[in-house]
Amino acid sequence: MGRLYSMNLIPTDFRPILYRSRVAAGTGYLVKIHIGFGRFIHADLFDPLNGPVEILDIEVGKTYYDPLE
């Protein structure tokens, strides 16, 4: 959440809507997240085999209709 606050985005909701996954030395996830008031972000996450989940990238200004790419 700290990264969102640093981007001046204060979520009123934080609900994953859709995700895609891929496996490569762990599992990568691309997640569409509703952050409130019709606003969405796409988060690129990596869950390594050993260790905590890492946030690789956050794309802001997304809509419900933007594809996960």
PDB file of N, CA and C in Angstrom:
ATOM      1  N   MET A   1       0.824  -1.195   0.000  1.00  0.00           N
ATOM      2  CA  MET A   1       0.000   0.000   0.000  1.00  0.00           C
ATOM      3  C   MET A   1       0.862   1.250   0.000  1.00  0.00           C
ATOM      4  N   GLY A   2       2.051   1.175   0.577  1.00  0.00           N
ATOM      5  CA  GLY A   2       2.915   2.342   0.633  1.00  0.00           C
ATOM      6  C   GLY A   2       3.238   2.904  -0.734  1.00  0.00           C
ATOM      7  N   ARG A   3       3.425   2.008  -1.718  1.00  0.00           N
ATOM      8  CA  ARG A   3       3.710   2.482  -3.082  1.00  0.00           C
ATOM      9  C   ARG A   3       2.537   3.252  -3.645  1.00  0.00           C
ATOM     10  N   LEU A   4       1.315   2.818  -3.339  1.00  0.00           N
ATOM     11  CA  LEU A   4       0.142   3.543  -3.836  1.00  0.00           C
ATOM     12  C   LEU A   4       0.056   4.923  -3.212  1.00  0.00           C
ATOM     13  N   TYR A   5       0.315   5.011  -1.914  1.00  0.00           N
ATOM     14  CA  TYR A   5       0.288   6.316  -1.243  1.00  0.00           C
ATOM     15  C   TYR A   5       1.352   7.238  -1.818  1.00  0.00           C
ATOM     16  N   SER A   6       2.526   6.694  -2.135  1.00  0.00           N
ATOM     17  CA  SER A   6       3.588   7.526  -2.700  1.00  0.00           C
ATOM     18  C   SER A   6       3.226   8.028  -4.093  1.00  0.00           C
ATOM     19  N   MET A   7       2.276   7.370  -4.768  1.00  0.00           N
ATOM     20  CA  MET A   7       1.785   7.814  -6.074  1.00  0.00           C
ATOM     21  C   MET A   7       0.547   8.696  -5.929  1.00  0.00           C
ATOM     22  N   ASN A   8       0.238   9.105  -4.699  1.00  0.00           N
ATOM     23  CA  ASN A   8      -0.946   9.919  -4.396  1.00  0.00           C
ATOM     24  C   ASN A   8      -2.246   9.207  -4.741  1.00  0.00           C
ATOM     25  N   LEU A   9      -2.259   7.886  -4.628  1.00  0.00           N
ATOM     26  CA  LEU A   9      -3.472   7.091  -4.815  1.00  0.00           C
ATOM     27  C   LEU A   9      -3.856   6.512  -3.460  1.00  0.00           C
ATOM     28  N   ILE A  10      -4.972   6.955  -2.926  1.00  0.00           N
ATOM     29  CA  ILE A  10      -5.443   6.444  -1.643  1.00  0.00           C
ATOM     30  C   ILE A  10      -6.640   5.547  -1.928  1.00  0.00           C
ATOM     31  N   PRO A  11      -6.434   4.224  -1.897  1.00  0.00           N
ATOM     32  CA  PRO A  11      -7.525   3.312  -2.236  1.00  0.00           C
ATOM     33  C   PRO A  11      -8.616   3.301  -1.170  1.00  0.00           C
ATOM     34  N   THR A  12      -9.872   3.295  -1.632  1.00  0.00           N
ATOM     35  CA  THR A  12     -11.006   3.120  -0.724  1.00  0.00           C
ATOM     36  C   THR A  12     -11.462   1.672  -0.744  1.00  0.00           C
ATOM     37  N   ASP A  13     -10.977   0.923  -1.711  1.00  0.00           N
ATOM     38  CA  ASP A  13     -11.275  -0.493  -1.870  1.00  0.00           C
ATOM     39  C   ASP A  13      -9.973  -1.122  -2.355  1.00  0.00           C
ATOM     40  N   PHE A  14      -9.790  -2.378  -2.162  1.00  0.00           N
ATOM     41  CA  PHE A  14      -8.595  -3.052  -2.658  1.00  0.00           C
ATOM     42  C   PHE A  14      -8.997  -4.485  -2.952  1.00  0.00           C
ATOM     43  N   ARG A  15      -9.664  -4.660  -4.102  1.00  0.00           N
ATOM     44  CA  ARG A  15     -10.260  -5.954  -4.428  1.00  0.00           C
ATOM     45  C   ARG A  15      -9.718  -6.484  -5.755  1.00  0.00           C
ATOM     46  N   PRO A  16      -9.005  -7.626  -5.733  1.00  0.00           N
ATOM     47  CA  PRO A  16      -8.581  -8.239  -6.991  1.00  0.00           C
ATOM     48  C   PRO A  16      -9.810  -8.647  -7.806  1.00  0.00           C
ATOM     49  N   ILE A  17      -9.798  -8.299  -9.076  1.00  0.00           N
ATOM     50  CA  ILE A  17     -10.930  -8.580  -9.964  1.00  0.00           C
ATOM     51  C   ILE A  17     -10.598  -9.730 -10.917  1.00  0.00           C
ATOM     52  N   LEU A  18      -9.358  -9.752 -11.406  1.00  0.00           N
ATOM     53  CA  LEU A  18      -8.952 -10.713 -12.427  1.00  0.00           C
ATOM     54  C   LEU A  18      -7.446 -10.917 -12.303  1.00  0.00           C
ATOM     55  N   TYR A  19      -6.972 -12.121 -12.616  1.00  0.00           N
ATOM     56  CA  TYR A  19      -5.523 -12.328 -12.610  1.00  0.00           C
ATOM     57  C   TYR A  19      -5.122 -13.349 -13.661  1.00  0.00           C
ATOM     58  N   ARG A  20      -3.870 -13.270 -14.060  1.00  0.00           N
ATOM     59  CA  ARG A  20      -3.218 -14.267 -14.906  1.00  0.00           C
ATOM     60  C   ARG A  20      -1.979 -14.714 -14.166  1.00  0.00           C
ATOM     61  N   SER A  21      -1.590 -15.963 -14.370  1.00  0.00           N
ATOM     62  CA  SER A  21      -0.372 -16.444 -13.715  1.00  0.00           C
ATOM     63  C   SER A  21       0.527 -17.130 -14.731  1.00  0.00           C
ATOM     64  N   ARG A  22       1.809 -17.182 -14.383  1.00  0.00           N
ATOM     65  CA  ARG A  22       2.808 -17.873 -15.189  1.00  0.00           C
ATOM     66  C   ARG A  22       3.834 -18.475 -14.227  1.00  0.00           C
ATOM     67  N   VAL A  23       4.383 -19.618 -14.597  1.00  0.00           N
ATOM     68  CA  VAL A  23       5.324 -20.315 -13.720  1.00  0.00           C
ATOM     69  C   VAL A  23       6.721 -20.239 -14.324  1.00  0.00           C
ATOM     70  N   ALA A  24       7.692 -19.797 -13.529  1.00  0.00           N
ATOM     71  CA  ALA A  24       9.103 -19.742 -13.920  1.00  0.00           C
ATOM     72  C   ALA A  24       9.918 -19.485 -12.662  1.00  0.00           C
ATOM     73  N   ALA A  25      10.505 -20.523 -12.077  1.00  0.00           N
ATOM     74  CA  ALA A  25      11.283 -20.402 -10.830  1.00  0.00           C
ATOM     75  C   ALA A  25      10.470 -19.719  -9.740  1.00  0.00           C
ATOM     76  N   GLY A  26       9.200 -19.996  -9.716  1.00  0.00           N
ATOM     77  CA  GLY A  26       8.229 -19.366  -8.821  1.00  0.00           C
ATOM     78  C   GLY A  26       6.990 -19.089  -9.648  1.00  0.00           C
ATOM     79  N   THR A  27       6.111 -18.282  -9.139  1.00  0.00           N
ATOM     80  CA  THR A  27       4.896 -17.954  -9.878  1.00  0.00           C
ATOM     81  C   THR A  27       4.773 -16.448 -10.010  1.00  0.00           C
ATOM     82  N   GLY A  28       4.543 -16.006 -11.236  1.00  0.00           N
ATOM     83  CA  GLY A  28       4.302 -14.591 -11.501  1.00  0.00           C
ATOM     84  C   GLY A  28       2.817 -14.366 -11.671  1.00  0.00           C
ATOM     85  N   TYR A  29       2.341 -13.255 -11.177  1.00  0.00           N
ATOM     86  CA  TYR A  29       0.926 -12.908 -11.282  1.00  0.00           C
ATOM     87  C   TYR A  29       0.783 -11.510 -11.853  1.00  0.00           C
ATOM     88  N   LEU A  30      -0.150 -11.346 -12.749  1.00  0.00           N
ATOM     89  CA  LEU A  30      -0.568 -10.032 -13.212  1.00  0.00           C
ATOM     90  C   LEU A  30      -2.002  -9.885 -12.736  1.00  0.00           C
ATOM     91  N   VAL A  31      -2.273  -8.883 -11.900  1.00  0.00           N
ATOM     92  CA  VAL A  31      -3.551  -8.771 -11.205  1.00  0.00           C
ATOM     93  C   VAL A  31      -4.203  -7.429 -11.491  1.00  0.00           C
ATOM     94  N   LYS A  32      -5.480  -7.461 -11.864  1.00  0.00           N
ATOM     95  CA  LYS A  32      -6.292  -6.243 -11.991  1.00  0.00           C
ATOM     96  C   LYS A  32      -6.958  -6.031 -10.638  1.00  0.00           C
ATOM     97  N   ILE A  33      -6.741  -4.847 -10.040  1.00  0.00           N
ATOM     98  CA  ILE A  33      -7.232  -4.565  -8.694  1.00  0.00           C
ATOM     99  C   ILE A  33      -8.103  -3.319  -8.715  1.00  0.00           C
ATOM    100  N   HIS A  34      -9.310  -3.431  -8.175  1.00  0.00           N
ATOM    101  CA  HIS A  34     -10.204  -2.274  -8.030  1.00  0.00           C
ATOM    102  C   HIS A  34      -9.785  -1.519  -6.780  1.00  0.00           C
ATOM    103  N   ILE A  35      -9.509  -0.208  -6.926  1.00  0.00           N
ATOM    104  CA  ILE A  35      -9.072   0.583  -5.771  1.00  0.00           C
ATOM    105  C   ILE A  35     -10.112   1.621  -5.360  1.00  0.00           C
ATOM    106  N   GLY A  36     -11.315   1.517  -5.922  1.00  0.00           N
ATOM    107  CA  GLY A  36     -12.404   2.399  -5.513  1.00  0.00           C
ATOM    108  C   GLY A  36     -12.764   3.426  -6.570  1.00  0.00           C
ATOM    109  N   PHE A  37     -14.002   3.858  -6.524  1.00  0.00           N
ATOM    110  CA  PHE A  37     -14.532   4.914  -7.395  1.00  0.00           C
ATOM    111  C   PHE A  37     -14.271   4.646  -8.875  1.00  0.00           C
ATOM    112  N   GLY A  38     -14.401   3.384  -9.287  1.00  0.00           N
ATOM    113  CA  GLY A  38     -14.221   3.014 -10.688  1.00  0.00           C
ATOM    114  C   GLY A  38     -12.772   3.054 -11.156  1.00  0.00           C
ATOM    115  N   ARG A  39     -11.824   3.136 -10.228  1.00  0.00           N
ATOM    116  CA  ARG A  39     -10.404   3.173 -10.582  1.00  0.00           C
ATOM    117  C   ARG A  39      -9.790   1.791 -10.401  1.00  0.00           C
ATOM    118  N   PHE A  40      -8.854   1.473 -11.294  1.00  0.00           N
ATOM    119  CA  PHE A  40      -8.191   0.170 -11.277  1.00  0.00           C
ATOM    120  C   PHE A  40      -6.690   0.356 -11.440  1.00  0.00           C
ATOM    121  N   ILE A  41      -5.944  -0.602 -10.931  1.00  0.00           N
ATOM    122  CA  ILE A  41      -4.509  -0.690 -11.180  1.00  0.00           C
ATOM    123  C   ILE A  41      -4.209  -2.100 -11.656  1.00  0.00           C
ATOM    124  N   HIS A  42      -3.083  -2.253 -12.330  1.00  0.00           N
ATOM    125  CA  HIS A  42      -2.566  -3.571 -12.672  1.00  0.00           C
ATOM    126  C   HIS A  42      -1.280  -3.743 -11.887  1.00  0.00           C
ATOM    127  N   ALA A  43      -1.167  -4.841 -11.158  1.00  0.00           N
ATOM    128  CA  ALA A  43       0.021  -5.124 -10.361  1.00  0.00           C
ATOM    129  C   ALA A  43       0.706  -6.371 -10.899  1.00  0.00           C
ATOM    130  N   ASP A  44       2.011  -6.269 -11.102  1.00  0.00           N
ATOM    131  CA  ASP A  44       2.829  -7.396 -11.532  1.00  0.00           C
ATOM    132  C   ASP A  44       3.557  -7.907 -10.292  1.00  0.00           C
ATOM    133  N   LEU A  45       3.240  -9.135  -9.874  1.00  0.00           N
ATOM    134  CA  LEU A  45       3.775  -9.716  -8.644  1.00  0.00           C
ATOM    135  C   LEU A  45       4.571 -10.974  -8.962  1.00  0.00           C
ATOM    136  N   PHE A  46       5.558 -11.273  -8.132  1.00  0.00           N
ATOM    137  CA  PHE A  46       6.319 -12.511  -8.286  1.00  0.00           C
ATOM    138  C   PHE A  46       6.420 -13.200  -6.937  1.00  0.00           C
ATOM    139  N   ASP A  47       6.023 -14.466  -6.909  1.00  0.00           N
ATOM    140  CA  ASP A  47       6.086 -15.293  -5.701  1.00  0.00           C
ATOM    141  C   ASP A  47       7.177 -16.342  -5.920  1.00  0.00           C
ATOM    142  N   PRO A  48       8.413 -16.074  -5.456  1.00  0.00           N
ATOM    143  CA  PRO A  48       9.502 -17.027  -5.671  1.00  0.00           C
ATOM    144  C   PRO A  48       9.285 -18.305  -4.867  1.00  0.00           C
ATOM    145  N   LEU A  49      10.017 -19.343  -5.243  1.00  0.00           N
ATOM    146  CA  LEU A  49       9.879 -20.612  -4.534  1.00  0.00           C
ATOM    147  C   LEU A  49      10.252 -20.464  -3.062  1.00  0.00           C
ATOM    148  N   ASN A  50      11.260 -19.658  -2.771  1.00  0.00           N
ATOM    149  CA  ASN A  50      11.688 -19.413  -1.387  1.00  0.00           C
ATOM    150  C   ASN A  50      11.743 -17.909  -1.164  1.00  0.00           C
ATOM    151  N   GLY A  51      10.857 -17.399  -0.347  1.00  0.00           N
ATOM    152  CA  GLY A  51      10.894 -15.973  -0.045  1.00  0.00           C
ATOM    153  C   GLY A  51       9.533 -15.330  -0.176  1.00  0.00           C
ATOM    154  N   PRO A  52       9.465 -14.063   0.195  1.00  0.00           N
ATOM    155  CA  PRO A  52       8.185 -13.350   0.169  1.00  0.00           C
ATOM    156  C   PRO A  52       7.804 -12.901  -1.245  1.00  0.00           C
ATOM    157  N   VAL A  53       6.550 -12.598  -1.433  1.00  0.00           N
ATOM    158  CA  VAL A  53       6.044 -12.080  -2.703  1.00  0.00           C
ATOM    159  C   VAL A  53       6.649 -10.702  -2.948  1.00  0.00           C
ATOM    160  N   GLU A  54       7.059 -10.455  -4.191  1.00  0.00           N
ATOM    161  CA  GLU A  54       7.658  -9.176  -4.568  1.00  0.00           C
ATOM    162  C   GLU A  54       6.721  -8.426  -5.507  1.00  0.00           C
ATOM    163  N   ILE A  55       6.604  -7.123  -5.328  1.00  0.00           N
ATOM    164  CA  ILE A  55       5.871  -6.268  -6.266  1.00  0.00           C
ATOM    165  C   ILE A  55       6.877  -5.804  -7.307  1.00  0.00           C
ATOM    166  N   LEU A  56       6.681  -6.221  -8.558  1.00  0.00           N
ATOM    167  CA  LEU A  56       7.608  -5.856  -9.622  1.00  0.00           C
ATOM    168  C   LEU A  56       7.217  -4.551 -10.289  1.00  0.00           C
ATOM    169  N   ASP A  57       5.914  -4.316 -10.443  1.00  0.00           N
ATOM    170  CA  ASP A  57       5.451  -3.113 -11.134  1.00  0.00           C
ATOM    171  C   ASP A  57       4.000  -2.844 -10.771  1.00  0.00           C
ATOM    172  N   ILE A  58       3.623  -1.574 -10.787  1.00  0.00           N
ATOM    173  CA  ILE A  58       2.229  -1.165 -10.614  1.00  0.00           C
ATOM    174  C   ILE A  58       1.906  -0.184 -11.730  1.00  0.00           C
ATOM    175  N   GLU A  59       0.860  -0.473 -12.495  1.00  0.00           N
ATOM    176  CA  GLU A  59       0.408   0.427 -13.552  1.00  0.00           C
ATOM    177  C   GLU A  59      -0.880   1.085 -13.089  1.00  0.00           C
ATOM    178  N   VAL A  60      -0.903   2.407 -13.075  1.00  0.00           N
ATOM    179  CA  VAL A  60      -2.073   3.154 -12.612  1.00  0.00           C
ATOM    180  C   VAL A  60      -2.870   3.666 -13.810  1.00  0.00           C
ATOM    181  N   GLY A  61      -4.055   4.200 -13.536  1.00  0.00           N
ATOM    182  CA  GLY A  61      -4.882   4.779 -14.594  1.00  0.00           C
ATOM    183  C   GLY A  61      -5.549   3.743 -15.475  1.00  0.00           C
ATOM    184  N   LYS A  62      -5.727   2.555 -14.975  1.00  0.00           N
ATOM    185  CA  LYS A  62      -6.359   1.486 -15.743  1.00  0.00           C
ATOM    186  C   LYS A  62      -7.870   1.524 -15.552  1.00  0.00           C
ATOM    187  N   THR A  63      -8.588   0.922 -16.494  1.00  0.00           N
ATOM    188  CA  THR A  63     -10.041   0.800 -16.395  1.00  0.00           C
ATOM    189  C   THR A  63     -10.399  -0.676 -16.310  1.00  0.00           C
ATOM    190  N   TYR A  64     -11.656  -0.933 -16.041  1.00  0.00           N
ATOM    191  CA  TYR A  64     -12.148  -2.311 -15.985  1.00  0.00           C
ATOM    192  C   TYR A  64     -11.896  -3.018 -17.320  1.00  0.00           C
ATOM    193  N   TYR A  65     -11.964  -2.274 -18.418  1.00  0.00           N
ATOM    194  CA  TYR A  65     -11.886  -2.868 -19.752  1.00  0.00           C
ATOM    195  C   TYR A  65     -10.463  -3.016 -20.287  1.00  0.00           C
ATOM    196  N   ASP A  66      -9.473  -2.458 -19.615  1.00  0.00           N
ATOM    197  CA  ASP A  66      -8.092  -2.611 -20.075  1.00  0.00           C
ATOM    198  C   ASP A  66      -7.646  -4.060 -19.896  1.00  0.00           C
ATOM    199  N   PRO A  67      -7.069  -4.666 -20.950  1.00  0.00           N
ATOM    200  CA  PRO A  67      -6.629  -6.062 -20.831  1.00  0.00           C
ATOM    201  C   PRO A  67      -5.390  -6.177 -19.949  1.00  0.00           C
ATOM    202  N   LEU A  68      -5.244  -7.333 -19.328  1.00  0.00           N
ATOM    203  CA  LEU A  68      -4.036  -7.629 -18.551  1.00  0.00           C
ATOM    204  C   LEU A  68      -2.946  -8.049 -19.532  1.00  0.00           C
ATOM    205  N   GLU A  69      -1.957  -7.196 -19.724  1.00  0.00           N
ATOM    206  CA  GLU A  69      -0.866  -7.495 -20.662  1.00  0.00           C
ATOM    207  C   GLU A  69       0.464  -7.229 -20.012  1.00  0.00           C
TER     208      GLU A  69
END
